[in-house]
Amino acid sequence: MTFAVEGRDNCVAIGGSAYVYARTEHGSFVLSANCPHRGGPLNLAEFEPGRSRLVCPWHDRAASVTKAIKAGVPAVRHGDRVTAVLPDHDGAGYTLEHRPMSGALARC
């Protein structure tokens, strides 16, 4: 699946799951746009000061960026596009959407 790194169509939604391309000081990776705890918008997450953890904007639960990168979706960036190998969702169709990104996840 190929989608935009930023701007219009920067998110792919498939089978009830959404994914965005995150760029942080710790690395770049494809991230689930939904918090696994309560479904909050992880595309709006911020960094926890002094740690490499993302903080969900809904309930302040923190998740390790290092773990997110290691467990992340395999992806390769080519200019302003990223190609990712997304989990199988039993043949579900997909849509490309725009999701705003927090400053913490949109570093170039």
PDB file of N, CA and C in Angstrom:
ATOM      1  N   MET A   1       0.840  -1.161   0.000  1.00  0.00           N
ATOM      2  CA  MET A   1       0.000   0.000   0.000  1.00  0.00           C
ATOM      3  C   MET A   1       0.893   1.235   0.000  1.00  0.00           C
ATOM      4  N   THR A   2       0.657   2.151  -0.908  1.00  0.00           N
ATOM      5  CA  THR A   2       1.441   3.378  -0.995  1.00  0.00           C
ATOM      6  C   THR A   2       0.549   4.570  -0.685  1.00  0.00           C
ATOM      7  N   PHE A   3       1.065   5.466   0.154  1.00  0.00           N
ATOM      8  CA  PHE A   3       0.308   6.663   0.512  1.00  0.00           C
ATOM      9  C   PHE A   3       1.263   7.820   0.791  1.00  0.00           C
ATOM     10  N   ALA A   4       0.704   9.019   0.945  1.00  0.00           N
ATOM     11  CA  ALA A   4       1.504  10.231   1.117  1.00  0.00           C
ATOM     12  C   ALA A   4       2.162  10.282   2.495  1.00  0.00           C
ATOM     13  N   VAL A   5       3.361  10.854   2.543  1.00  0.00           N
ATOM     14  CA  VAL A   5       4.068  11.037   3.806  1.00  0.00           C
ATOM     15  C   VAL A   5       3.376  12.119   4.632  1.00  0.00           C
ATOM     16  N   GLU A   6       2.874  13.165   3.979  1.00  0.00           N
ATOM     17  CA  GLU A   6       2.194  14.247   4.688  1.00  0.00           C
ATOM     18  C   GLU A   6       1.149  14.870   3.782  1.00  0.00           C
ATOM     19  N   GLY A   7       0.289  15.702   4.372  1.00  0.00           N
ATOM     20  CA  GLY A   7      -0.738  16.392   3.607  1.00  0.00           C
ATOM     21  C   GLY A   7      -1.904  15.484   3.252  1.00  0.00           C
ATOM     22  N   ARG A   8      -2.545  15.821   2.144  1.00  0.00           N
ATOM     23  CA  ARG A   8      -3.703  15.055   1.690  1.00  0.00           C
ATOM     24  C   ARG A   8      -3.326  13.587   1.502  1.00  0.00           C
ATOM     25  N   ASP A   9      -4.215  12.691   1.892  1.00  0.00           N
ATOM     26  CA  ASP A   9      -4.028  11.240   1.744  1.00  0.00           C
ATOM     27  C   ASP A   9      -2.829  10.705   2.528  1.00  0.00           C
ATOM     28  N   ASN A  10      -2.528  11.296   3.686  1.00  0.00           N
ATOM     29  CA  ASN A  10      -1.401  10.844   4.512  1.00  0.00           C
ATOM     30  C   ASN A  10      -1.769   9.695   5.441  1.00  0.00           C
ATOM     31  N   CYS A  11      -2.972   9.171   5.304  1.00  0.00           N
ATOM     32  CA  CYS A  11      -3.438   8.084   6.166  1.00  0.00           C
ATOM     33  C   CYS A  11      -4.157   7.054   5.307  1.00  0.00           C
ATOM     34  N   VAL A  12      -3.892   5.789   5.562  1.00  0.00           N
ATOM     35  CA  VAL A  12      -4.632   4.728   4.891  1.00  0.00           C
ATOM     36  C   VAL A  12      -5.493   4.038   5.947  1.00  0.00           C
ATOM     37  N   ALA A  13      -6.786   3.926   5.653  1.00  0.00           N
ATOM     38  CA  ALA A  13      -7.727   3.253   6.550  1.00  0.00           C
ATOM     39  C   ALA A  13      -8.175   1.967   5.869  1.00  0.00           C
ATOM     40  N   ILE A  14      -8.041   0.865   6.608  1.00  0.00           N
ATOM     41  CA  ILE A  14      -8.379  -0.443   6.051  1.00  0.00           C
ATOM     42  C   ILE A  14      -8.908  -1.338   7.167  1.00  0.00           C
ATOM     43  N   GLY A  15     -10.054  -1.940   6.929  1.00  0.00           N
ATOM     44  CA  GLY A  15     -10.617  -2.877   7.899  1.00  0.00           C
ATOM     45  C   GLY A  15     -10.811  -2.304   9.291  1.00  0.00           C
ATOM     46  N   GLY A  16     -11.179  -1.035   9.404  1.00  0.00           N
ATOM     47  CA  GLY A  16     -11.394  -0.423  10.710  1.00  0.00           C
ATOM     48  C   GLY A  16     -10.127   0.067  11.393  1.00  0.00           C
ATOM     49  N   SER A  17      -8.976  -0.088  10.745  1.00  0.00           N
ATOM     50  CA  SER A  17      -7.701   0.392  11.291  1.00  0.00           C
ATOM     51  C   SER A  17      -7.158   1.491  10.387  1.00  0.00           C
ATOM     52  N   ALA A  18      -6.456   2.441  10.992  1.00  0.00           N
ATOM     53  CA  ALA A  18      -5.869   3.544  10.232  1.00  0.00           C
ATOM     54  C   ALA A  18      -4.376   3.609  10.532  1.00  0.00           C
ATOM     55  N   TYR A  19      -3.585   3.974   9.523  1.00  0.00           N
ATOM     56  CA  TYR A  19      -2.131   4.022   9.652  1.00  0.00           C
ATOM     57  C   TYR A  19      -1.596   5.321   9.060  1.00  0.00           C
ATOM     58  N   VAL A  20      -0.596   5.898   9.714  1.00  0.00           N
ATOM     59  CA  VAL A  20       0.066   7.107   9.238  1.00  0.00           C
ATOM     60  C   VAL A  20       1.580   6.896   9.289  1.00  0.00           C
ATOM     61  N   TYR A  21       2.312   7.754   8.585  1.00  0.00           N
ATOM     62  CA  TYR A  21       3.772   7.705   8.594  1.00  0.00           C
ATOM     63  C   TYR A  21       4.269   8.738   9.591  1.00  0.00           C
ATOM     64  N   ALA A  22       4.974   8.293  10.612  1.00  0.00           N
ATOM     65  CA  ALA A  22       5.480   9.178  11.662  1.00  0.00           C
ATOM     66  C   ALA A  22       6.971   9.394  11.485  1.00  0.00           C
ATOM     67  N   ARG A  23       7.407  10.625  11.696  1.00  0.00           N
ATOM     68  CA  ARG A  23       8.826  10.976  11.612  1.00  0.00           C
ATOM     69  C   ARG A  23       9.215  11.635  12.930  1.00  0.00           C
ATOM     70  N   THR A  24      10.081  10.995  13.673  1.00  0.00           N
ATOM     71  CA  THR A  24      10.500  11.522  14.970  1.00  0.00           C
ATOM     72  C   THR A  24      12.021  11.620  15.022  1.00  0.00           C
ATOM     73  N   GLU A  25      12.523  12.210  16.087  1.00  0.00           N
ATOM     74  CA  GLU A  25      13.977  12.279  16.270  1.00  0.00           C
ATOM     75  C   GLU A  25      14.571  10.896  16.501  1.00  0.00           C
ATOM     76  N   HIS A  26      13.723   9.904  16.806  1.00  0.00           N
ATOM     77  CA  HIS A  26      14.176   8.537  17.060  1.00  0.00           C
ATOM     78  C   HIS A  26      14.054   7.633  15.840  1.00  0.00           C
ATOM     79  N   GLY A  27      13.466   8.127  14.765  1.00  0.00           N
ATOM     80  CA  GLY A  27      13.315   7.333  13.560  1.00  0.00           C
ATOM     81  C   GLY A  27      11.976   7.571  12.890  1.00  0.00           C
ATOM     82  N   SER A  28      11.799   6.990  11.730  1.00  0.00           N
ATOM     83  CA  SER A  28      10.562   7.095  10.960  1.00  0.00           C
ATOM     84  C   SER A  28       9.931   5.720  10.863  1.00  0.00           C
ATOM     85  N   PHE A  29       8.595   5.686  10.927  1.00  0.00           N
ATOM     86  CA  PHE A  29       7.899   4.407  10.935  1.00  0.00           C
ATOM     87  C   PHE A  29       6.428   4.607  10.637  1.00  0.00           C
ATOM     88  N   VAL A  30       5.760   3.527  10.211  1.00  0.00           N
ATOM     89  CA  VAL A  30       4.312   3.546  10.025  1.00  0.00           C
ATOM     90  C   VAL A  30       3.691   3.195  11.370  1.00  0.00           C
ATOM     91  N   LEU A  31       2.751   4.022  11.787  1.00  0.00           N
ATOM     92  CA  LEU A  31       2.145   3.944  13.111  1.00  0.00           C
ATOM     93  C   LEU A  31       0.639   3.749  12.983  1.00  0.00           C
ATOM     94  N   SER A  32       0.067   2.896  13.816  1.00  0.00           N
ATOM     95  CA  SER A  32      -1.387   2.833  13.893  1.00  0.00           C
ATOM     96  C   SER A  32      -1.862   4.193  14.378  1.00  0.00           C
ATOM     97  N   ALA A  33      -2.840   4.765  13.717  1.00  0.00           N
ATOM     98  CA  ALA A  33      -3.350   6.081  14.099  1.00  0.00           C
ATOM     99  C   ALA A  33      -4.294   5.998  15.291  1.00  0.00           C
ATOM    100  N   ASN A  34      -4.545   4.801  15.790  1.00  0.00           N
ATOM    101  CA  ASN A  34      -5.457   4.625  16.916  1.00  0.00           C
ATOM    102  C   ASN A  34      -4.744   3.998  18.098  1.00  0.00           C
ATOM    103  N   CYS A  35      -4.914   4.585  19.268  1.00  0.00           N
ATOM    104  CA  CYS A  35      -4.342   4.047  20.497  1.00  0.00           C
ATOM    105  C   CYS A  35      -4.967   2.676  20.777  1.00  0.00           C
ATOM    106  N   PRO A  36      -4.160   1.671  21.090  1.00  0.00           N
ATOM    107  CA  PRO A  36      -4.716   0.345  21.362  1.00  0.00           C
ATOM    108  C   PRO A  36      -5.510   0.287  22.665  1.00  0.00           C
ATOM    109  N   HIS A  37      -5.348   1.260  23.523  1.00  0.00           N
ATOM    110  CA  HIS A  37      -6.031   1.251  24.813  1.00  0.00           C
ATOM    111  C   HIS A  37      -7.478   1.718  24.698  1.00  0.00           C
ATOM    112  N   ARG A  38      -7.695   2.923  24.152  1.00  0.00           N
ATOM    113  CA  ARG A  38      -9.058   3.460  24.036  1.00  0.00           C
ATOM    114  C   ARG A  38      -9.393   3.993  22.650  1.00  0.00           C
ATOM    115  N   GLY A  39      -8.523   3.759  21.689  1.00  0.00           N
ATOM    116  CA  GLY A  39      -8.806   4.196  20.326  1.00  0.00           C
ATOM    117  C   GLY A  39      -8.528   5.662  20.063  1.00  0.00           C
ATOM    118  N   GLY A  40      -7.837   6.329  20.977  1.00  0.00           N
ATOM    119  CA  GLY A  40      -7.513   7.749  20.800  1.00  0.00           C
ATOM    120  C   GLY A  40      -6.653   7.984  19.571  1.00  0.00           C
ATOM    121  N   PRO A  41      -6.606   9.225  19.107  1.00  0.00           N
ATOM    122  CA  PRO A  41      -5.868   9.555  17.886  1.00  0.00           C
ATOM    123  C   PRO A  41      -4.361   9.673  18.123  1.00  0.00           C
ATOM    124  N   LEU A  42      -3.626   8.575  17.916  1.00  0.00           N
ATOM    125  CA  LEU A  42      -2.177   8.604  18.133  1.00  0.00           C
ATOM    126  C   LEU A  42      -1.455   9.507  17.142  1.00  0.00           C
ATOM    127  N   ASN A  43      -2.092   9.836  16.036  1.00  0.00           N
ATOM    128  CA  ASN A  43      -1.485  10.783  15.106  1.00  0.00           C
ATOM    129  C   ASN A  43      -1.340  12.166  15.749  1.00  0.00           C
ATOM    130  N   LEU A  44      -2.017  12.400  16.871  1.00  0.00           N
ATOM    131  CA  LEU A  44      -1.907  13.665  17.602  1.00  0.00           C
ATOM    132  C   LEU A  44      -1.087  13.529  18.880  1.00  0.00           C
ATOM    133  N   ALA A  45      -0.424  12.392  19.051  1.00  0.00           N
ATOM    134  CA  ALA A  45       0.365  12.139  20.263  1.00  0.00           C
ATOM    135  C   ALA A  45       1.540  13.107  20.371  1.00  0.00           C
ATOM    136  N   GLU A  46       1.963  13.349  21.598  1.00  0.00           N
ATOM    137  CA  GLU A  46       3.148  14.159  21.888  1.00  0.00           C
ATOM    138  C   GLU A  46       4.166  13.293  22.610  1.00  0.00           C
ATOM    139  N   PHE A  47       5.399  13.779  22.704  1.00  0.00           N
ATOM    140  CA  PHE A  47       6.439  13.060  23.435  1.00  0.00           C
ATOM    141  C   PHE A  47       6.364  13.363  24.916  1.00  0.00           C
ATOM    142  N   GLU A  48       6.631  12.341  25.712  1.00  0.00           N
ATOM    143  CA  GLU A  48       6.762  12.526  27.149  1.00  0.00           C
ATOM    144  C   GLU A  48       8.141  13.144  27.396  1.00  0.00           C
ATOM    145  N   PRO A  49       8.208  14.262  28.122  1.00  0.00           N
ATOM    146  CA  PRO A  49       9.499  14.931  28.338  1.00  0.00           C
ATOM    147  C   PRO A  49      10.541  13.989  28.950  1.00  0.00           C
ATOM    148  N   GLY A  50      11.750  14.017  28.383  1.00  0.00           N
ATOM    149  CA  GLY A  50      12.856  13.227  28.911  1.00  0.00           C
ATOM    150  C   GLY A  50      12.831  11.753  28.569  1.00  0.00           C
ATOM    151  N   ARG A  51      11.829  11.313  27.845  1.00  0.00           N
ATOM    152  CA  ARG A  51      11.729   9.896  27.472  1.00  0.00           C
ATOM    153  C   ARG A  51      11.356   9.799  26.004  1.00  0.00           C
ATOM    154  N   SER A  52      11.581   8.647  25.416  1.00  0.00           N
ATOM    155  CA  SER A  52      11.177   8.450  24.019  1.00  0.00           C
ATOM    156  C   SER A  52       9.859   7.693  24.000  1.00  0.00           C
ATOM    157  N   ARG A  53       8.827   8.357  24.558  1.00  0.00           N
ATOM    158  CA  ARG A  53       7.503   7.733  24.619  1.00  0.00           C
ATOM    159  C   ARG A  53       6.452   8.683  24.059  1.00  0.00           C
ATOM    160  N   LEU A  54       5.487   8.103  23.349  1.00  0.00           N
ATOM    161  CA  LEU A  54       4.355   8.862  22.836  1.00  0.00           C
ATOM    162  C   LEU A  54       3.248   8.857  23.874  1.00  0.00           C
ATOM    163  N   VAL A  55       2.575   9.990  24.018  1.00  0.00           N
ATOM    164  CA  VAL A  55       1.503  10.115  25.000  1.00  0.00           C
ATOM    165  C   VAL A  55       0.188  10.339  24.262  1.00  0.00           C
ATOM    166  N   CYS A  56      -0.789   9.444  24.486  1.00  0.00           N
ATOM    167  CA  CYS A  56      -2.109   9.548  23.855  1.00  0.00           C
ATOM    168  C   CYS A  56      -2.801  10.829  24.335  1.00  0.00           C
ATOM    169  N   PRO A  57      -3.362  11.625  23.417  1.00  0.00           N
ATOM    170  CA  PRO A  57      -4.014  12.866  23.820  1.00  0.00           C
ATOM    171  C   PRO A  57      -5.340  12.667  24.557  1.00  0.00           C
ATOM    172  N   TRP A  58      -5.920  11.474  24.511  1.00  0.00           N
ATOM    173  CA  TRP A  58      -7.195  11.252  25.192  1.00  0.00           C
ATOM    174  C   TRP A  58      -7.029  10.927  26.664  1.00  0.00           C
ATOM    175  N   HIS A  59      -6.036  10.107  26.995  1.00  0.00           N
ATOM    176  CA  HIS A  59      -5.971   9.638  28.385  1.00  0.00           C
ATOM    177  C   HIS A  59      -4.561   9.612  28.954  1.00  0.00           C
ATOM    178  N   ASP A  60      -3.618  10.228  28.259  1.00  0.00           N
ATOM    179  CA  ASP A  60      -2.236  10.369  28.736  1.00  0.00           C
ATOM    180  C   ASP A  60      -1.480   9.056  28.922  1.00  0.00           C
ATOM    181  N   ARG A  61      -1.945   7.985  28.349  1.00  0.00           N
ATOM    182  CA  ARG A  61      -1.191   6.728  28.424  1.00  0.00           C
ATOM    183  C   ARG A  61       0.011   6.833  27.494  1.00  0.00           C
ATOM    184  N   ALA A  62       1.176   6.419  27.972  1.00  0.00           N
ATOM    185  CA  ALA A  62       2.406   6.538  27.193  1.00  0.00           C
ATOM    186  C   ALA A  62       2.799   5.200  26.579  1.00  0.00           C
ATOM    187  N   ALA A  63       3.368   5.267  25.377  1.00  0.00           N
ATOM    188  CA  ALA A  63       3.848   4.074  24.676  1.00  0.00           C
ATOM    189  C   ALA A  63       5.254   4.351  24.159  1.00  0.00           C
ATOM    190  N   SER A  64       6.119   3.377  24.222  1.00  0.00           N
ATOM    191  CA  SER A  64       7.508   3.507  23.807  1.00  0.00           C
ATOM    192  C   SER A  64       7.627   3.668  22.289  1.00  0.00           C
ATOM    193  N   VAL A  65       8.354   4.696  21.865  1.00  0.00           N
ATOM    194  CA  VAL A  65       8.614   4.885  20.443  1.00  0.00           C
ATOM    195  C   VAL A  65       9.498   3.754  19.926  1.00  0.00           C
ATOM    196  N   THR A  66      10.463   3.336  20.715  1.00  0.00           N
ATOM    197  CA  THR A  66      11.354   2.243  20.322  1.00  0.00           C
ATOM    198  C   THR A  66      10.562   0.972  20.056  1.00  0.00           C
ATOM    199  N   LYS A  67       9.621   0.647  20.938  1.00  0.00           N
ATOM    200  CA  LYS A  67       8.782  -0.541  20.728  1.00  0.00           C
ATOM    201  C   LYS A  67       7.900  -0.371  19.502  1.00  0.00           C
ATOM    202  N   ALA A  68       7.386   0.846  19.286  1.00  0.00           N
ATOM    203  CA  ALA A  68       6.538   1.096  18.114  1.00  0.00           C
ATOM    204  C   ALA A  68       7.328   0.882  16.827  1.00  0.00           C
ATOM    205  N   ILE A  69       8.588   1.320  16.822  1.00  0.00           N
ATOM    206  CA  ILE A  69       9.426   1.138  15.636  1.00  0.00           C
ATOM    207  C   ILE A  69       9.719  -0.345  15.414  1.00  0.00           C
ATOM    208  N   LYS A  70      10.081  -1.064  16.467  1.00  0.00           N
ATOM    209  CA  LYS A  70      10.403  -2.493  16.346  1.00  0.00           C
ATOM    210  C   LYS A  70       9.192  -3.326  15.943  1.00  0.00           C
ATOM    211  N   ALA A  71       8.018  -2.996  16.467  1.00  0.00           N
ATOM    212  CA  ALA A  71       6.805  -3.762  16.180  1.00  0.00           C
ATOM    213  C   ALA A  71       6.033  -3.174  15.007  1.00  0.00           C
ATOM    214  N   GLY A  72       6.579  -2.146  14.406  1.00  0.00           N
ATOM    215  CA  GLY A  72       5.868  -1.418  13.370  1.00  0.00           C
ATOM    216  C   GLY A  72       5.673  -2.178  12.078  1.00  0.00           C
ATOM    217  N   VAL A  73       4.982  -1.536  11.205  1.00  0.00           N
ATOM    218  CA  VAL A  73       4.671  -2.058   9.884  1.00  0.00           C
ATOM    219  C   VAL A  73       5.899  -1.857   8.989  1.00  0.00           C
ATOM    220  N   PRO A  74       6.342  -2.887   8.264  1.00  0.00           N
ATOM    221  CA  PRO A  74       7.468  -2.702   7.346  1.00  0.00           C
ATOM    222  C   PRO A  74       7.121  -1.644   6.295  1.00  0.00           C
ATOM    223  N   ALA A  75       8.029  -0.683   6.106  1.00  0.00           N
ATOM    224  CA  ALA A  75       7.742   0.410   5.178  1.00  0.00           C
ATOM    225  C   ALA A  75       9.031   0.984   4.610  1.00  0.00           C
ATOM    226  N   VAL A  76       8.913   1.553   3.408  1.00  0.00           N
ATOM    227  CA  VAL A  76      10.029   2.218   2.742  1.00  0.00           C
ATOM    228  C   VAL A  76       9.516   3.540   2.202  1.00  0.00           C
ATOM    229  N   ARG A  77      10.265   4.605   2.494  1.00  0.00           N
ATOM    230  CA  ARG A  77       9.896   5.928   1.996  1.00  0.00           C
ATOM    231  C   ARG A  77      10.637   6.210   0.694  1.00  0.00           C
ATOM    232  N   HIS A  78       9.896   6.764  -0.279  1.00  0.00           N
ATOM    233  CA  HIS A  78      10.449   7.204  -1.563  1.00  0.00           C
ATOM    234  C   HIS A  78       9.975   8.636  -1.772  1.00  0.00           C
ATOM    235  N   GLY A  79      10.801   9.613  -1.425  1.00  0.00           N
ATOM    236  CA  GLY A  79      10.412  11.017  -1.575  1.00  0.00           C
ATOM    237  C   GLY A  79       9.235  11.362  -0.685  1.00  0.00           C
ATOM    238  N   ASP A  80       8.137  11.807  -1.303  1.00  0.00           N
ATOM    239  CA  ASP A  80       6.962  12.212  -0.521  1.00  0.00           C
ATOM    240  C   ASP A  80       5.915  11.102  -0.399  1.00  0.00           C
ATOM    241  N   ARG A  81       6.302   9.861  -0.688  1.00  0.00           N
ATOM    242  CA  ARG A  81       5.396   8.710  -0.590  1.00  0.00           C
ATOM    243  C   ARG A  81       6.045   7.631   0.264  1.00  0.00           C
ATOM    244  N   VAL A  82       5.226   6.813   0.898  1.00  0.00           N
ATOM    245  CA  VAL A  82       5.712   5.673   1.672  1.00  0.00           C
ATOM    246  C   VAL A  82       4.936   4.438   1.221  1.00  0.00           C
ATOM    247  N   THR A  83       5.639   3.332   1.070  1.00  0.00           N
ATOM    248  CA  THR A  83       5.007   2.059   0.737  1.00  0.00           C
ATOM    249  C   THR A  83       5.134   1.160   1.956  1.00  0.00           C
ATOM    250  N   ALA A  84       3.997   0.663   2.426  1.00  0.00           N
ATOM    251  CA  ALA A  84       3.962  -0.143   3.648  1.00  0.00           C
ATOM    252  C   ALA A  84       3.301  -1.484   3.382  1.00  0.00           C
ATOM    253  N   VAL A  85       3.749  -2.501   4.108  1.00  0.00           N
ATOM    254  CA  VAL A  85       3.137  -3.827   4.065  1.00  0.00           C
ATOM    255  C   VAL A  85       2.206  -3.898   5.269  1.00  0.00           C
ATOM    256  N   LEU A  86       0.941  -3.605   5.038  1.00  0.00           N
ATOM    257  CA  LEU A  86      -0.036  -3.530   6.125  1.00  0.00           C
ATOM    258  C   LEU A  86      -0.580  -4.907   6.477  1.00  0.00           C
ATOM    259  N   PRO A  87      -1.032  -5.069   7.717  1.00  0.00           N
ATOM    260  CA  PRO A  87      -1.629  -6.350   8.125  1.00  0.00           C
ATOM    261  C   PRO A  87      -2.825  -6.698   7.243  1.00  0.00           C
ATOM    262  N   ASP A  88      -3.041  -7.985   7.033  1.00  0.00           N
ATOM    263  CA  ASP A  88      -4.172  -8.470   6.242  1.00  0.00           C
ATOM    264  C   ASP A  88      -5.469  -8.222   6.997  1.00  0.00           C
ATOM    265  N   HIS A  89      -6.434  -7.636   6.308  1.00  0.00           N
ATOM    266  CA  HIS A  89      -7.742  -7.380   6.908  1.00  0.00           C
ATOM    267  C   HIS A  89      -8.830  -8.113   6.126  1.00  0.00           C
ATOM    268  N   ASP A  90      -8.563  -9.363   5.780  1.00  0.00           N
ATOM    269  CA  ASP A  90      -9.532 -10.234   5.103  1.00  0.00           C
ATOM    270  C   ASP A  90     -10.159  -9.594   3.871  1.00  0.00           C
ATOM    271  N   GLY A  91      -9.332  -8.997   3.037  1.00  0.00           N
ATOM    272  CA  GLY A  91      -9.820  -8.448   1.778  1.00  0.00           C
ATOM    273  C   GLY A  91     -10.617  -7.168   1.909  1.00  0.00           C
ATOM    274  N   ALA A  92     -10.561  -6.520   3.062  1.00  0.00           N
ATOM    275  CA  ALA A  92     -11.302  -5.274   3.260  1.00  0.00           C
ATOM    276  C   ALA A  92     -10.763  -4.198   2.322  1.00  0.00           C
ATOM    277  N   GLY A  93     -11.654  -3.362   1.833  1.00  0.00           N
ATOM    278  CA  GLY A  93     -11.239  -2.247   0.994  1.00  0.00           C
ATOM    279  C   GLY A  93     -10.518  -1.198   1.828  1.00  0.00           C
ATOM    280  N   TYR A  94      -9.906  -0.252   1.169  1.00  0.00           N
ATOM    281  CA  TYR A  94      -9.182   0.792   1.885  1.00  0.00           C
ATOM    282  C   TYR A  94      -9.591   2.164   1.369  1.00  0.00           C
ATOM    283  N   THR A  95      -9.349   3.175   2.172  1.00  0.00           N
ATOM    284  CA  THR A  95      -9.533   4.560   1.767  1.00  0.00           C
ATOM    285  C   THR A  95      -8.295   5.341   2.170  1.00  0.00           C
ATOM    286  N   LEU A  96      -8.001   6.387   1.416  1.00  0.00           N
ATOM    287  CA  LEU A  96      -6.936   7.312   1.773  1.00  0.00           C
ATOM    288  C   LEU A  96      -7.597   8.543   2.371  1.00  0.00           C
ATOM    289  N   GLU A  97      -7.083   9.004   3.495  1.00  0.00           N
ATOM    290  CA  GLU A  97      -7.678  10.116   4.236  1.00  0.00           C
ATOM    291  C   GLU A  97      -6.582  11.099   4.633  1.00  0.00           C
ATOM    292  N   HIS A  98      -7.011  12.246   5.126  1.00  0.00           N
ATOM    293  CA  HIS A  98      -6.063  13.177   5.742  1.00  0.00           C
ATOM    294  C   HIS A  98      -6.240  13.112   7.250  1.00  0.00           C
ATOM    295  N   ARG A  99      -5.142  12.956   7.970  1.00  0.00           N
ATOM    296  CA  ARG A  99      -5.133  13.015   9.434  1.00  0.00           C
ATOM    297  C   ARG A  99      -4.095  14.055   9.831  1.00  0.00           C
ATOM    298  N   PRO A 100      -4.482  15.038  10.632  1.00  0.00           N
ATOM    299  CA  PRO A 100      -3.470  15.982  11.109  1.00  0.00           C
ATOM    300  C   PRO A 100      -2.454  15.245  11.967  1.00  0.00           C
ATOM    301  N   MET A 101      -1.213  15.699  11.931  1.00  0.00           N
ATOM    302  CA  MET A 101      -0.144  15.076  12.710  1.00  0.00           C
ATOM    303  C   MET A 101       0.361  16.066  13.751  1.00  0.00           C
ATOM    304  N   SER A 102       0.673  15.561  14.931  1.00  0.00           N
ATOM    305  CA  SER A 102       1.272  16.423  15.950  1.00  0.00           C
ATOM    306  C   SER A 102       2.673  16.815  15.496  1.00  0.00           C
ATOM    307  N   GLY A 103       3.181  17.898  16.048  1.00  0.00           N
ATOM    308  CA  GLY A 103       4.537  18.322  15.725  1.00  0.00           C
ATOM    309  C   GLY A 103       5.565  17.273  16.083  1.00  0.00           C
ATOM    310  N   ALA A 104       5.283  16.477  17.118  1.00  0.00           N
ATOM    311  CA  ALA A 104       6.211  15.430  17.560  1.00  0.00           C
ATOM    312  C   ALA A 104       6.352  14.313  16.537  1.00  0.00           C
ATOM    313  N   LEU A 105       5.348  14.138  15.673  1.00  0.00           N
ATOM    314  CA  LEU A 105       5.368  13.039  14.702  1.00  0.00           C
ATOM    315  C   LEU A 105       5.590  13.508  13.268  1.00  0.00           C
ATOM    316  N   ALA A 106       5.810  14.786  13.081  1.00  0.00           N
ATOM    317  CA  ALA A 106       5.962  15.317  11.728  1.00  0.00           C
ATOM    318  C   ALA A 106       7.329  15.945  11.501  1.00  0.00           C
ATOM    319  N   ARG A 107       8.307  15.518  12.264  1.00  0.00           N
ATOM    320  CA  ARG A 107       9.673  16.041  12.078  1.00  0.00           C
ATOM    321  C   ARG A 107      10.254  15.459  10.787  1.00  0.00           C
ATOM    322  N   CYS A 108      10.939  16.280  10.037  1.00  0.00           N
ATOM    323  CA  CYS A 108      11.515  15.799   8.769  1.00  0.00           C
ATOM    324  C   CYS A 108      12.904  15.282   8.945  1.00  0.00           C
TER     325      CYS A 108
END
